[in-house]
Amino acid sequence: MLDLTPISWLNWVVRLRGGGLIGYVQATIYPKHRAGIAYEFASRYWGQGFAGEAARAMIEELAGRYQVRRLSAVLKRENRRSLGLLNSLGFVAGAEDLYRRYRVGADELLMLHVLTQKR
């Protein structure tokens, strides 16, 4: 069975330079170099690249500082914007047989990404 006991829960707020809060990214780190990621941004900032930039920075931090090698994300099936963002970050759909192990609901999608080590 997949060990879903969190080791750490990390949160970063995202602000415009010299401006206010526009969203956040977060990661839950699990055993065996795994992490689940999440993000939320105010709708007026959607489609401007902020979420992608913040998620890429978070993923770099997770890989570098926390040695994370496997990422997961769960989203609602109808959330096309989030699906597009995850695809652009290199995530792919998880196999249906993993849904129960990851505790994914019937109205949700599981996306996975294996990070390659930089040489």
PDB file of N, CA and C in Angstrom:
ATOM      1  N   MET A   1       0.842  -1.189   0.000  1.00  0.00           N
ATOM      2  CA  MET A   1       0.000   0.000   0.000  1.00  0.00           C
ATOM      3  C   MET A   1       0.885   1.250   0.000  1.00  0.00           C
ATOM      4  N   LEU A   2       0.450   2.256  -0.663  1.00  0.00           N
ATOM      5  CA  LEU A   2       1.165   3.519  -0.756  1.00  0.00           C
ATOM      6  C   LEU A   2       1.160   4.220   0.605  1.00  0.00           C
ATOM      7  N   ASP A   3       2.320   4.633   1.084  1.00  0.00           N
ATOM      8  CA  ASP A   3       2.415   5.329   2.366  1.00  0.00           C
ATOM      9  C   ASP A   3       2.058   6.795   2.155  1.00  0.00           C
ATOM     10  N   LEU A   4       0.890   7.192   2.641  1.00  0.00           N
ATOM     11  CA  LEU A   4       0.426   8.575   2.509  1.00  0.00           C
ATOM     12  C   LEU A   4       0.565   9.345   3.817  1.00  0.00           C
ATOM     13  N   THR A   5       1.540   8.957   4.630  1.00  0.00           N
ATOM     14  CA  THR A   5       1.823   9.672   5.866  1.00  0.00           C
ATOM     15  C   THR A   5       2.719  10.864   5.526  1.00  0.00           C
ATOM     16  N   PRO A   6       2.215  12.083   5.682  1.00  0.00           N
ATOM     17  CA  PRO A   6       3.027  13.248   5.310  1.00  0.00           C
ATOM     18  C   PRO A   6       4.262  13.399   6.189  1.00  0.00           C
ATOM     19  N   ILE A   7       5.361  13.797   5.544  1.00  0.00           N
ATOM     20  CA  ILE A   7       6.582  14.137   6.261  1.00  0.00           C
ATOM     21  C   ILE A   7       6.621  15.638   6.517  1.00  0.00           C
ATOM     22  N   SER A   8       6.265  16.407   5.496  1.00  0.00           N
ATOM     23  CA  SER A   8       6.252  17.874   5.599  1.00  0.00           C
ATOM     24  C   SER A   8       5.133  18.433   4.735  1.00  0.00           C
ATOM     25  N   TRP A   9       4.640  19.589   5.143  1.00  0.00           N
ATOM     26  CA  TRP A   9       3.654  20.314   4.345  1.00  0.00           C
ATOM     27  C   TRP A   9       4.222  21.705   4.145  1.00  0.00           C
ATOM     28  N   LEU A  10       4.468  22.068   2.899  1.00  0.00           N
ATOM     29  CA  LEU A  10       5.111  23.332   2.560  1.00  0.00           C
ATOM     30  C   LEU A  10       4.144  24.234   1.814  1.00  0.00           C
ATOM     31  N   ASN A  11       4.185  25.515   2.126  1.00  0.00           N
ATOM     32  CA  ASN A  11       3.306  26.495   1.485  1.00  0.00           C
ATOM     33  C   ASN A  11       4.096  27.739   1.121  1.00  0.00           C
ATOM     34  N   TRP A  12       3.846  28.263  -0.069  1.00  0.00           N
ATOM     35  CA  TRP A  12       4.457  29.519  -0.505  1.00  0.00           C
ATOM     36  C   TRP A  12       3.359  30.422  -1.044  1.00  0.00           C
ATOM     37  N   VAL A  13       3.354  31.660  -0.601  1.00  0.00           N
ATOM     38  CA  VAL A  13       2.416  32.625  -1.175  1.00  0.00           C
ATOM     39  C   VAL A  13       3.071  33.246  -2.408  1.00  0.00           C
ATOM     40  N   VAL A  14       2.246  33.660  -3.344  1.00  0.00           N
ATOM     41  CA  VAL A  14       2.731  34.268  -4.577  1.00  0.00           C
ATOM     42  C   VAL A  14       2.212  35.695  -4.623  1.00  0.00           C
ATOM     43  N   ARG A  15       3.147  36.617  -4.773  1.00  0.00           N
ATOM     44  CA  ARG A  15       2.810  38.039  -4.833  1.00  0.00           C
ATOM     45  C   ARG A  15       3.352  38.635  -6.120  1.00  0.00           C
ATOM     46  N   LEU A  16       2.690  39.645  -6.607  1.00  0.00           N
ATOM     47  CA  LEU A  16       3.244  40.429  -7.698  1.00  0.00           C
ATOM     48  C   LEU A  16       4.401  41.246  -7.148  1.00  0.00           C
ATOM     49  N   ARG A  17       5.393  41.529  -7.967  1.00  0.00           N
ATOM     50  CA  ARG A  17       6.495  42.375  -7.498  1.00  0.00           C
ATOM     51  C   ARG A  17       5.924  43.703  -7.021  1.00  0.00           C
ATOM     52  N   GLY A  18       6.187  44.011  -5.769  1.00  0.00           N
ATOM     53  CA  GLY A  18       5.694  45.255  -5.193  1.00  0.00           C
ATOM     54  C   GLY A  18       4.193  45.298  -5.011  1.00  0.00           C
ATOM     55  N   GLY A  19       3.535  44.156  -5.143  1.00  0.00           N
ATOM     56  CA  GLY A  19       2.084  44.145  -5.060  1.00  0.00           C
ATOM     57  C   GLY A  19       1.541  43.156  -4.064  1.00  0.00           C
ATOM     58  N   GLY A  20       0.288  42.887  -4.222  1.00  0.00           N
ATOM     59  CA  GLY A  20      -0.415  42.046  -3.272  1.00  0.00           C
ATOM     60  C   GLY A  20      -0.378  40.572  -3.627  1.00  0.00           C
ATOM     61  N   LEU A  21      -0.956  39.819  -2.754  1.00  0.00           N
ATOM     62  CA  LEU A  21      -1.057  38.373  -2.875  1.00  0.00           C
ATOM     63  C   LEU A  21      -1.954  38.010  -4.054  1.00  0.00           C
ATOM     64  N   ILE A  22      -1.491  37.069  -4.911  1.00  0.00           N
ATOM     65  CA  ILE A  22      -2.315  36.631  -6.045  1.00  0.00           C
ATOM     66  C   ILE A  22      -2.637  35.140  -5.985  1.00  0.00           C
ATOM     67  N   GLY A  23      -1.959  34.398  -5.096  1.00  0.00           N
ATOM     68  CA  GLY A  23      -2.228  32.973  -4.988  1.00  0.00           C
ATOM     69  C   GLY A  23      -1.222  32.279  -4.105  1.00  0.00           C
ATOM     70  N   TYR A  24      -1.230  30.948  -4.176  1.00  0.00           N
ATOM     71  CA  TYR A  24      -0.265  30.166  -3.411  1.00  0.00           C
ATOM     72  C   TYR A  24       0.009  28.852  -4.125  1.00  0.00           C
ATOM     73  N   VAL A  25       1.134  28.260  -3.796  1.00  0.00           N
ATOM     74  CA  VAL A  25       1.474  26.896  -4.208  1.00  0.00           C
ATOM     75  C   VAL A  25       1.823  26.139  -2.930  1.00  0.00           C
ATOM     76  N   GLN A  26       1.591  24.842  -2.950  1.00  0.00           N
ATOM     77  CA  GLN A  26       1.887  24.051  -1.762  1.00  0.00           C
ATOM     78  C   GLN A  26       2.280  22.634  -2.162  1.00  0.00           C
ATOM     79  N   ALA A  27       2.993  21.992  -1.272  1.00  0.00           N
ATOM     80  CA  ALA A  27       3.421  20.617  -1.496  1.00  0.00           C
ATOM     81  C   ALA A  27       3.358  19.849  -0.189  1.00  0.00           C
ATOM     82  N   THR A  28       2.916  18.620  -0.286  1.00  0.00           N
ATOM     83  CA  THR A  28       2.963  17.703   0.834  1.00  0.00           C
ATOM     84  C   THR A  28       4.007  16.651   0.479  1.00  0.00           C
ATOM     85  N   ILE A  29       5.036  16.544   1.294  1.00  0.00           N
ATOM     86  CA  ILE A  29       6.115  15.598   1.032  1.00  0.00           C
ATOM     87  C   ILE A  29       5.815  14.291   1.759  1.00  0.00           C
ATOM     88  N   TYR A  30       5.976  13.195   1.020  1.00  0.00           N
ATOM     89  CA  TYR A  30       5.723  11.851   1.531  1.00  0.00           C
ATOM     90  C   TYR A  30       7.021  11.040   1.497  1.00  0.00           C
ATOM     91  N   PRO A  31       7.030   9.874   2.145  1.00  0.00           N
ATOM     92  CA  PRO A  31       8.218   9.010   2.084  1.00  0.00           C
ATOM     93  C   PRO A  31       8.577   8.624   0.647  1.00  0.00           C
ATOM     94  N   LYS A  32       9.785   8.169   0.478  1.00  0.00           N
ATOM     95  CA  LYS A  32      10.305   7.654  -0.796  1.00  0.00           C
ATOM     96  C   LYS A  32      10.365   8.734  -1.873  1.00  0.00           C
ATOM     97  N   HIS A  33      10.732   9.955  -1.468  1.00  0.00           N
ATOM     98  CA  HIS A  33      10.998  11.050  -2.420  1.00  0.00           C
ATOM     99  C   HIS A  33       9.776  11.432  -3.245  1.00  0.00           C
ATOM    100  N   ARG A  34       8.599  11.392  -2.634  1.00  0.00           N
ATOM    101  CA  ARG A  34       7.360  11.734  -3.338  1.00  0.00           C
ATOM    102  C   ARG A  34       6.743  12.990  -2.736  1.00  0.00           C
ATOM    103  N   ALA A  35       5.976  13.699  -3.565  1.00  0.00           N
ATOM    104  CA  ALA A  35       5.240  14.871  -3.083  1.00  0.00           C
ATOM    105  C   ALA A  35       3.975  15.052  -3.906  1.00  0.00           C
ATOM    106  N   GLY A  36       2.950  15.520  -3.244  1.00  0.00           N
ATOM    107  CA  GLY A  36       1.730  15.954  -3.917  1.00  0.00           C
ATOM    108  C   GLY A  36       1.753  17.469  -3.956  1.00  0.00           C
ATOM    109  N   ILE A  37       1.348  18.044  -5.089  1.00  0.00           N
ATOM    110  CA  ILE A  37       1.358  19.500  -5.198  1.00  0.00           C
ATOM    111  C   ILE A  37      -0.055  20.035  -5.389  1.00  0.00           C
ATOM    112  N   ALA A  38      -0.200  21.314  -5.055  1.00  0.00           N
ATOM    113  CA  ALA A  38      -1.478  22.010  -5.238  1.00  0.00           C
ATOM    114  C   ALA A  38      -1.178  23.492  -5.445  1.00  0.00           C
ATOM    115  N   TYR A  39      -2.176  24.201  -5.941  1.00  0.00           N
ATOM    116  CA  TYR A  39      -2.023  25.638  -6.179  1.00  0.00           C
ATOM    117  C   TYR A  39      -3.406  26.262  -6.283  1.00  0.00           C
ATOM    118  N   GLU A  40      -3.458  27.537  -6.009  1.00  0.00           N
ATOM    119  CA  GLU A  40      -4.703  28.301  -6.172  1.00  0.00           C
ATOM    120  C   GLU A  40      -4.331  29.748  -6.425  1.00  0.00           C
ATOM    121  N   PHE A  41      -4.969  30.330  -7.443  1.00  0.00           N
ATOM    122  CA  PHE A  41      -4.720  31.720  -7.819  1.00  0.00           C
ATOM    123  C   PHE A  41      -6.034  32.445  -8.008  1.00  0.00           C
ATOM    124  N   ALA A  42      -6.028  33.724  -7.695  1.00  0.00           N
ATOM    125  CA  ALA A  42      -7.208  34.547  -7.932  1.00  0.00           C
ATOM    126  C   ALA A  42      -7.535  34.523  -9.421  1.00  0.00           C
ATOM    127  N   SER A  43      -8.801  34.420  -9.767  1.00  0.00           N
ATOM    128  CA  SER A  43      -9.197  34.233 -11.163  1.00  0.00           C
ATOM    129  C   SER A  43      -8.743  35.367 -12.077  1.00  0.00           C
ATOM    130  N   ARG A  44      -8.593  36.555 -11.574  1.00  0.00           N
ATOM    131  CA  ARG A  44      -8.170  37.653 -12.456  1.00  0.00           C
ATOM    132  C   ARG A  44      -6.717  37.514 -12.907  1.00  0.00           C
ATOM    133  N   TYR A  45      -5.967  36.563 -12.319  1.00  0.00           N
ATOM    134  CA  TYR A  45      -4.582  36.320 -12.706  1.00  0.00           C
ATOM    135  C   TYR A  45      -4.413  35.031 -13.519  1.00  0.00           C
ATOM    136  N   TRP A  46      -5.506  34.360 -13.836  1.00  0.00           N
ATOM    137  CA  TRP A  46      -5.445  33.144 -14.637  1.00  0.00           C
ATOM    138  C   TRP A  46      -4.986  33.485 -16.057  1.00  0.00           C
ATOM    139  N   GLY A  47      -4.297  32.555 -16.675  1.00  0.00           N
ATOM    140  CA  GLY A  47      -3.904  32.697 -18.068  1.00  0.00           C
ATOM    141  C   GLY A  47      -2.775  33.672 -18.328  1.00  0.00           C
ATOM    142  N   GLN A  48      -2.079  34.106 -17.289  1.00  0.00           N
ATOM    143  CA  GLN A  48      -0.998  35.078 -17.448  1.00  0.00           C
ATOM    144  C   GLN A  48       0.378  34.489 -17.150  1.00  0.00           C
ATOM    145  N   GLY A  49       0.424  33.195 -16.867  1.00  0.00           N
ATOM    146  CA  GLY A  49       1.697  32.527 -16.637  1.00  0.00           C
ATOM    147  C   GLY A  49       2.183  32.517 -15.197  1.00  0.00           C
ATOM    148  N   PHE A  50       1.458  33.168 -14.296  1.00  0.00           N
ATOM    149  CA  PHE A  50       1.901  33.223 -12.905  1.00  0.00           C
ATOM    150  C   PHE A  50       1.900  31.850 -12.234  1.00  0.00           C
ATOM    151  N   ALA A  51       0.850  31.078 -12.460  1.00  0.00           N
ATOM    152  CA  ALA A  51       0.764  29.753 -11.832  1.00  0.00           C
ATOM    153  C   ALA A  51       1.875  28.844 -12.338  1.00  0.00           C
ATOM    154  N   GLY A  52       2.136  28.876 -13.630  1.00  0.00           N
ATOM    155  CA  GLY A  52       3.205  28.050 -14.189  1.00  0.00           C
ATOM    156  C   GLY A  52       4.567  28.430 -13.639  1.00  0.00           C
ATOM    157  N   GLU A  53       4.827  29.727 -13.569  1.00  0.00           N
ATOM    158  CA  GLU A  53       6.106  30.201 -13.036  1.00  0.00           C
ATOM    159  C   GLU A  53       6.278  29.778 -11.575  1.00  0.00           C
ATOM    160  N   ALA A  54       5.227  29.952 -10.782  1.00  0.00           N
ATOM    161  CA  ALA A  54       5.298  29.590  -9.366  1.00  0.00           C
ATOM    162  C   ALA A  54       5.428  28.078  -9.187  1.00  0.00           C
ATOM    163  N   ALA A  55       4.685  27.310  -9.977  1.00  0.00           N
ATOM    164  CA  ALA A  55       4.755  25.852  -9.860  1.00  0.00           C
ATOM    165  C   ALA A  55       6.135  25.341 -10.268  1.00  0.00           C
ATOM    166  N   ARG A  56       6.715  25.909 -11.329  1.00  0.00           N
ATOM    167  CA  ARG A  56       8.062  25.489 -11.739  1.00  0.00           C
ATOM    168  C   ARG A  56       9.089  25.791 -10.642  1.00  0.00           C
ATOM    169  N   ALA A  57       8.977  26.954 -10.030  1.00  0.00           N
ATOM    170  CA  ALA A  57       9.893  27.312  -8.939  1.00  0.00           C
ATOM    171  C   ALA A  57       9.725  26.352  -7.760  1.00  0.00           C
ATOM    172  N   MET A  58       8.477  26.006  -7.445  1.00  0.00           N
ATOM    173  CA  MET A  58       8.224  25.073  -6.352  1.00  0.00           C
ATOM    174  C   MET A  58       8.819  23.705  -6.672  1.00  0.00           C
ATOM    175  N   ILE A  59       8.631  23.222  -7.893  1.00  0.00           N
ATOM    176  CA  ILE A  59       9.137  21.916  -8.282  1.00  0.00           C
ATOM    177  C   ILE A  59      10.666  21.896  -8.215  1.00  0.00           C
ATOM    178  N   GLU A  60      11.312  22.966  -8.653  1.00  0.00           N
ATOM    179  CA  GLU A  60      12.770  23.055  -8.541  1.00  0.00           C
ATOM    180  C   GLU A  60      13.221  22.993  -7.087  1.00  0.00           C
ATOM    181  N   GLU A  61      12.500  23.684  -6.221  1.00  0.00           N
ATOM    182  CA  GLU A  61      12.814  23.661  -4.785  1.00  0.00           C
ATOM    183  C   GLU A  61      12.614  22.262  -4.205  1.00  0.00           C
ATOM    184  N   LEU A  62      11.530  21.609  -4.584  1.00  0.00           N
ATOM    185  CA  LEU A  62      11.263  20.264  -4.091  1.00  0.00           C
ATOM    186  C   LEU A  62      12.346  19.284  -4.529  1.00  0.00           C
ATOM    187  N   ALA A  63      12.775  19.391  -5.772  1.00  0.00           N
ATOM    188  CA  ALA A  63      13.810  18.493  -6.285  1.00  0.00           C
ATOM    189  C   ALA A  63      15.163  18.793  -5.655  1.00  0.00           C
ATOM    190  N   GLY A  64      15.510  20.067  -5.555  1.00  0.00           N
ATOM    191  CA  GLY A  64      16.827  20.447  -5.061  1.00  0.00           C
ATOM    192  C   GLY A  64      16.997  20.324  -3.565  1.00  0.00           C
ATOM    193  N   ARG A  65      16.098  20.896  -2.821  1.00  0.00           N
ATOM    194  CA  ARG A  65      16.242  20.928  -1.365  1.00  0.00           C
ATOM    195  C   ARG A  65      15.701  19.688  -0.673  1.00  0.00           C
ATOM    196  N   TYR A  66      14.642  19.098  -1.237  1.00  0.00           N
ATOM    197  CA  TYR A  66      13.964  17.988  -0.561  1.00  0.00           C
ATOM    198  C   TYR A  66      14.137  16.650  -1.279  1.00  0.00           C
ATOM    199  N   GLN A  67      14.902  16.624  -2.365  1.00  0.00           N
ATOM    200  CA  GLN A  67      15.184  15.407  -3.132  1.00  0.00           C
ATOM    201  C   GLN A  67      13.922  14.680  -3.595  1.00  0.00           C
ATOM    202  N   VAL A  68      12.875  15.418  -3.877  1.00  0.00           N
ATOM    203  CA  VAL A  68      11.639  14.837  -4.404  1.00  0.00           C
ATOM    204  C   VAL A  68      11.891  14.400  -5.849  1.00  0.00           C
ATOM    205  N   ARG A  69      11.423  13.210  -6.195  1.00  0.00           N
ATOM    206  CA  ARG A  69      11.598  12.679  -7.552  1.00  0.00           C
ATOM    207  C   ARG A  69      10.283  12.300  -8.219  1.00  0.00           C
ATOM    208  N   ARG A  70       9.232  12.153  -7.428  1.00  0.00           N
ATOM    209  CA  ARG A  70       7.927  11.775  -7.986  1.00  0.00           C
ATOM    210  C   ARG A  70       6.868  12.742  -7.461  1.00  0.00           C
ATOM    211  N   LEU A  71       6.131  13.323  -8.397  1.00  0.00           N
ATOM    212  CA  LEU A  71       5.096  14.289  -8.045  1.00  0.00           C
ATOM    213  C   LEU A  71       3.721  13.767  -8.435  1.00  0.00           C
ATOM    214  N   SER A  72       2.733  14.167  -7.675  1.00  0.00           N
ATOM    215  CA  SER A  72       1.353  13.856  -8.021  1.00  0.00           C
ATOM    216  C   SER A  72       0.506  15.105  -7.812  1.00  0.00           C
ATOM    217  N   ALA A  73      -0.594  15.156  -8.544  1.00  0.00           N
ATOM    218  CA  ALA A  73      -1.577  16.228  -8.390  1.00  0.00           C
ATOM    219  C   ALA A  73      -2.941  15.634  -8.703  1.00  0.00           C
ATOM    220  N   VAL A  74      -3.937  16.063  -7.970  1.00  0.00           N
ATOM    221  CA  VAL A  74      -5.308  15.611  -8.187  1.00  0.00           C
ATOM    222  C   VAL A  74      -6.146  16.846  -8.502  1.00  0.00           C
ATOM    223  N   LEU A  75      -6.976  16.736  -9.539  1.00  0.00           N
ATOM    224  CA  LEU A  75      -7.811  17.864  -9.940  1.00  0.00           C
ATOM    225  C   LEU A  75      -9.184  17.366 -10.351  1.00  0.00           C
ATOM    226  N   LYS A  76     -10.142  18.260 -10.365  1.00  0.00           N
ATOM    227  CA  LYS A  76     -11.478  17.921 -10.841  1.00  0.00           C
ATOM    228  C   LYS A  76     -11.415  17.674 -12.346  1.00  0.00           C
ATOM    229  N   ARG A  77     -12.124  16.683 -12.812  1.00  0.00           N
ATOM    230  CA  ARG A  77     -12.080  16.312 -14.239  1.00  0.00           C
ATOM    231  C   ARG A  77     -12.420  17.464 -15.172  1.00  0.00           C
ATOM    232  N   GLU A  78     -13.308  18.334 -14.774  1.00  0.00           N
ATOM    233  CA  GLU A  78     -13.729  19.432 -15.662  1.00  0.00           C
ATOM    234  C   GLU A  78     -12.811  20.656 -15.592  1.00  0.00           C
ATOM    235  N   ASN A  79     -11.779  20.624 -14.789  1.00  0.00           N
ATOM    236  CA  ASN A  79     -10.883  21.770 -14.635  1.00  0.00           C
ATOM    237  C   ASN A  79      -9.825  21.770 -15.748  1.00  0.00           C
ATOM    238  N   ARG A  80     -10.203  22.270 -16.915  1.00  0.00           N
ATOM    239  CA  ARG A  80      -9.334  22.260 -18.099  1.00  0.00           C
ATOM    240  C   ARG A  80      -8.109  23.152 -17.936  1.00  0.00           C
ATOM    241  N   ARG A  81      -8.249  24.274 -17.250  1.00  0.00           N
ATOM    242  CA  ARG A  81      -7.093  25.164 -17.042  1.00  0.00           C
ATOM    243  C   ARG A  81      -6.006  24.458 -16.236  1.00  0.00           C
ATOM    244  N   SER A  82      -6.413  23.809 -15.169  1.00  0.00           N
ATOM    245  CA  SER A  82      -5.446  23.107 -14.325  1.00  0.00           C
ATOM    246  C   SER A  82      -4.828  21.934 -15.084  1.00  0.00           C
ATOM    247  N   LEU A  83      -5.623  21.230 -15.857  1.00  0.00           N
ATOM    248  CA  LEU A  83      -5.099  20.132 -16.661  1.00  0.00           C
ATOM    249  C   LEU A  83      -4.054  20.653 -17.650  1.00  0.00           C
ATOM    250  N   GLY A  84      -4.321  21.786 -18.285  1.00  0.00           N
ATOM    251  CA  GLY A  84      -3.357  22.381 -19.204  1.00  0.00           C
ATOM    252  C   GLY A  84      -2.065  22.774 -18.504  1.00  0.00           C
ATOM    253  N   LEU A  85      -2.192  23.346 -17.310  1.00  0.00           N
ATOM    254  CA  LEU A  85      -1.006  23.730 -16.546  1.00  0.00           C
ATOM    255  C   LEU A  85      -0.174  22.495 -16.200  1.00  0.00           C
ATOM    256  N   LEU A  86      -0.819  21.467 -15.686  1.00  0.00           N
ATOM    257  CA  LEU A  86      -0.086  20.256 -15.311  1.00  0.00           C
ATOM    258  C   LEU A  86       0.571  19.608 -16.529  1.00  0.00           C
ATOM    259  N   ASN A  87      -0.125  19.567 -17.651  1.00  0.00           N
ATOM    260  CA  ASN A  87       0.482  19.032 -18.875  1.00  0.00           C
ATOM    261  C   ASN A  87       1.715  19.833 -19.265  1.00  0.00           C
ATOM    262  N   SER A  88       1.643  21.151 -19.149  1.00  0.00           N
ATOM    263  CA  SER A  88       2.789  21.994 -19.523  1.00  0.00           C
ATOM    264  C   SER A  88       3.981  21.787 -18.590  1.00  0.00           C
ATOM    265  N   LEU A  89       3.724  21.310 -17.387  1.00  0.00           N
ATOM    266  CA  LEU A  89       4.781  21.038 -16.415  1.00  0.00           C
ATOM    267  C   LEU A  89       5.357  19.630 -16.563  1.00  0.00           C
ATOM    268  N   GLY A  90       4.800  18.836 -17.473  1.00  0.00           N
ATOM    269  CA  GLY A  90       5.309  17.489 -17.700  1.00  0.00           C
ATOM    270  C   GLY A  90       4.531  16.378 -17.016  1.00  0.00           C
ATOM    271  N   PHE A  91       3.404  16.688 -16.425  1.00  0.00           N
ATOM    272  CA  PHE A  91       2.573  15.670 -15.776  1.00  0.00           C
ATOM    273  C   PHE A  91       1.818  14.875 -16.836  1.00  0.00           C
ATOM    274  N   VAL A  92       1.566  13.621 -16.535  1.00  0.00           N
ATOM    275  CA  VAL A  92       0.758  12.756 -17.392  1.00  0.00           C
ATOM    276  C   VAL A  92      -0.309  12.095 -16.529  1.00  0.00           C
ATOM    277  N   ALA A  93      -1.370  11.634 -17.189  1.00  0.00           N
ATOM    278  CA  ALA A  93      -2.464  10.984 -16.471  1.00  0.00           C
ATOM    279  C   ALA A  93      -1.990   9.702 -15.808  1.00  0.00           C
ATOM    280  N   GLY A  94      -2.371   9.532 -14.564  1.00  0.00           N
ATOM    281  CA  GLY A  94      -2.057   8.300 -13.843  1.00  0.00           C
ATOM    282  C   GLY A  94      -2.990   7.184 -14.265  1.00  0.00           C
ATOM    283  N   ALA A  95      -2.506   5.965 -14.182  1.00  0.00           N
ATOM    284  CA  ALA A  95      -3.321   4.798 -14.539  1.00  0.00           C
ATOM    285  C   ALA A  95      -4.499   4.670 -13.584  1.00  0.00           C
ATOM    286  N   GLU A  96      -5.613   4.222 -14.125  1.00  0.00           N
ATOM    287  CA  GLU A  96      -6.840   4.082 -13.333  1.00  0.00           C
ATOM    288  C   GLU A  96      -6.638   3.198 -12.097  1.00  0.00           C
ATOM    289  N   ASP A  97      -5.758   2.193 -12.186  1.00  0.00           N
ATOM    290  CA  ASP A  97      -5.558   1.295 -11.047  1.00  0.00           C
ATOM    291  C   ASP A  97      -4.878   1.996  -9.867  1.00  0.00           C
ATOM    292  N   LEU A  98      -4.328   3.182 -10.080  1.00  0.00           N
ATOM    293  CA  LEU A  98      -3.712   3.942  -8.991  1.00  0.00           C
ATOM    294  C   LEU A  98      -4.717   4.812  -8.231  1.00  0.00           C
ATOM    295  N   TYR A  99      -5.890   5.012  -8.773  1.00  0.00           N
ATOM    296  CA  TYR A  99      -6.854   5.936  -8.171  1.00  0.00           C
ATOM    297  C   TYR A  99      -7.207   5.564  -6.738  1.00  0.00           C
ATOM    298  N   ARG A 100      -7.392   4.299  -6.484  1.00  0.00           N
ATOM    299  CA  ARG A 100      -7.738   3.881  -5.120  1.00  0.00           C
ATOM    300  C   ARG A 100      -6.558   4.086  -4.176  1.00  0.00           C
ATOM    301  N   ARG A 101      -5.344   3.753  -4.645  1.00  0.00           N
ATOM    302  CA  ARG A 101      -4.150   3.920  -3.805  1.00  0.00           C
ATOM    303  C   ARG A 101      -3.927   5.385  -3.451  1.00  0.00           C
ATOM    304  N   TYR A 102      -4.206   6.290  -4.388  1.00  0.00           N
ATOM    305  CA  TYR A 102      -4.014   7.722  -4.152  1.00  0.00           C
ATOM    306  C   TYR A 102      -5.267   8.399  -3.582  1.00  0.00           C
ATOM    307  N   ARG A 103      -6.317   7.615  -3.372  1.00  0.00           N
ATOM    308  CA  ARG A 103      -7.578   8.136  -2.807  1.00  0.00           C
ATOM    309  C   ARG A 103      -8.188   9.226  -3.682  1.00  0.00           C
ATOM    310  N   VAL A 104      -8.285   8.938  -4.970  1.00  0.00           N
ATOM    311  CA  VAL A 104      -8.821   9.883  -5.950  1.00  0.00           C
ATOM    312  C   VAL A 104     -10.304   9.622  -6.130  1.00  0.00           C
ATOM    313  N   GLY A 105     -11.121  10.686  -6.098  1.00  0.00           N
ATOM    314  CA  GLY A 105     -12.561  10.570  -6.260  1.00  0.00           C
ATOM    315  C   GLY A 105     -12.974  10.306  -7.698  1.00  0.00           C
ATOM    316  N   ALA A 106     -14.203   9.863  -7.872  1.00  0.00           N
ATOM    317  CA  ALA A 106     -14.714   9.529  -9.203  1.00  0.00           C
ATOM    318  C   ALA A 106     -14.767  10.747 -10.128  1.00  0.00           C
ATOM    319  N   ASP A 107     -14.899  11.937  -9.564  1.00  0.00           N
ATOM    320  CA  ASP A 107     -14.973  13.163 -10.376  1.00  0.00           C
ATOM    321  C   ASP A 107     -13.612  13.843 -10.522  1.00  0.00           C
ATOM    322  N   GLU A 108     -12.539  13.112 -10.201  1.00  0.00           N
ATOM    323  CA  GLU A 108     -11.199  13.689 -10.209  1.00  0.00           C
ATOM    324  C   GLU A 108     -10.264  12.945 -11.161  1.00  0.00           C
ATOM    325  N   LEU A 109      -9.158  13.613 -11.496  1.00  0.00           N
ATOM    326  CA  LEU A 109      -8.082  13.029 -12.287  1.00  0.00           C
ATOM    327  C   LEU A 109      -6.812  12.997 -11.459  1.00  0.00           C
ATOM    328  N   LEU A 110      -6.012  11.971 -11.653  1.00  0.00           N
ATOM    329  CA  LEU A 110      -4.712  11.858 -11.027  1.00  0.00           C
ATOM    330  C   LEU A 110      -3.662  12.129 -12.095  1.00  0.00           C
ATOM    331  N   MET A 111      -2.765  13.058 -11.822  1.00  0.00           N
ATOM    332  CA  MET A 111      -1.671  13.382 -12.732  1.00  0.00           C
ATOM    333  C   MET A 111      -0.355  13.107 -12.014  1.00  0.00           C
ATOM    334  N   LEU A 112       0.607  12.531 -12.746  1.00  0.00           N
ATOM    335  CA  LEU A 112       1.885  12.140 -12.164  1.00  0.00           C
ATOM    336  C   LEU A 112       3.040  12.705 -12.993  1.00  0.00           C
ATOM    337  N   HIS A 113       4.152  12.916 -12.319  1.00  0.00           N
ATOM    338  CA  HIS A 113       5.352  13.400 -13.013  1.00  0.00           C
ATOM    339  C   HIS A 113       6.581  12.841 -12.292  1.00  0.00           C
ATOM    340  N   VAL A 114       7.457  12.184 -13.044  1.00  0.00           N
ATOM    341  CA  VAL A 114       8.713  11.685 -12.517  1.00  0.00           C
ATOM    342  C   VAL A 114       9.802  12.665 -12.945  1.00  0.00           C
ATOM    343  N   LEU A 115      10.504  13.223 -11.983  1.00  0.00           N
ATOM    344  CA  LEU A 115      11.542  14.198 -12.281  1.00  0.00           C
ATOM    345  C   LEU A 115      12.836  13.504 -12.657  1.00  0.00           C
ATOM    346  N   THR A 116      13.505  14.034 -13.643  1.00  0.00           N
ATOM    347  CA  THR A 116      14.815  13.508 -14.008  1.00  0.00           C
ATOM    348  C   THR A 116      15.869  14.329 -13.305  1.00  0.00           C
ATOM    349  N   GLN A 117      16.935  13.689 -12.913  1.00  0.00           N
ATOM    350  CA  GLN A 117      18.019  14.388 -12.224  1.00  0.00           C
ATOM    351  C   GLN A 117      18.884  15.126 -13.245  1.00  0.00           C
ATOM    352  N   LYS A 118      19.205  16.371 -12.916  1.00  0.00           N
ATOM    353  CA  LYS A 118      20.106  17.152 -13.769  1.00  0.00           C
ATOM    354  C   LYS A 118      21.521  16.666 -13.539  1.00  0.00           C
ATOM    355  N   ARG A 119      22.303  16.631 -14.590  1.00  0.00           N
ATOM    356  CA  ARG A 119      23.684  16.160 -14.467  1.00  0.00           C
ATOM    357  C   ARG A 119      24.635  17.290 -14.651  1.00  0.00           C
TER     358      ARG A 119
END
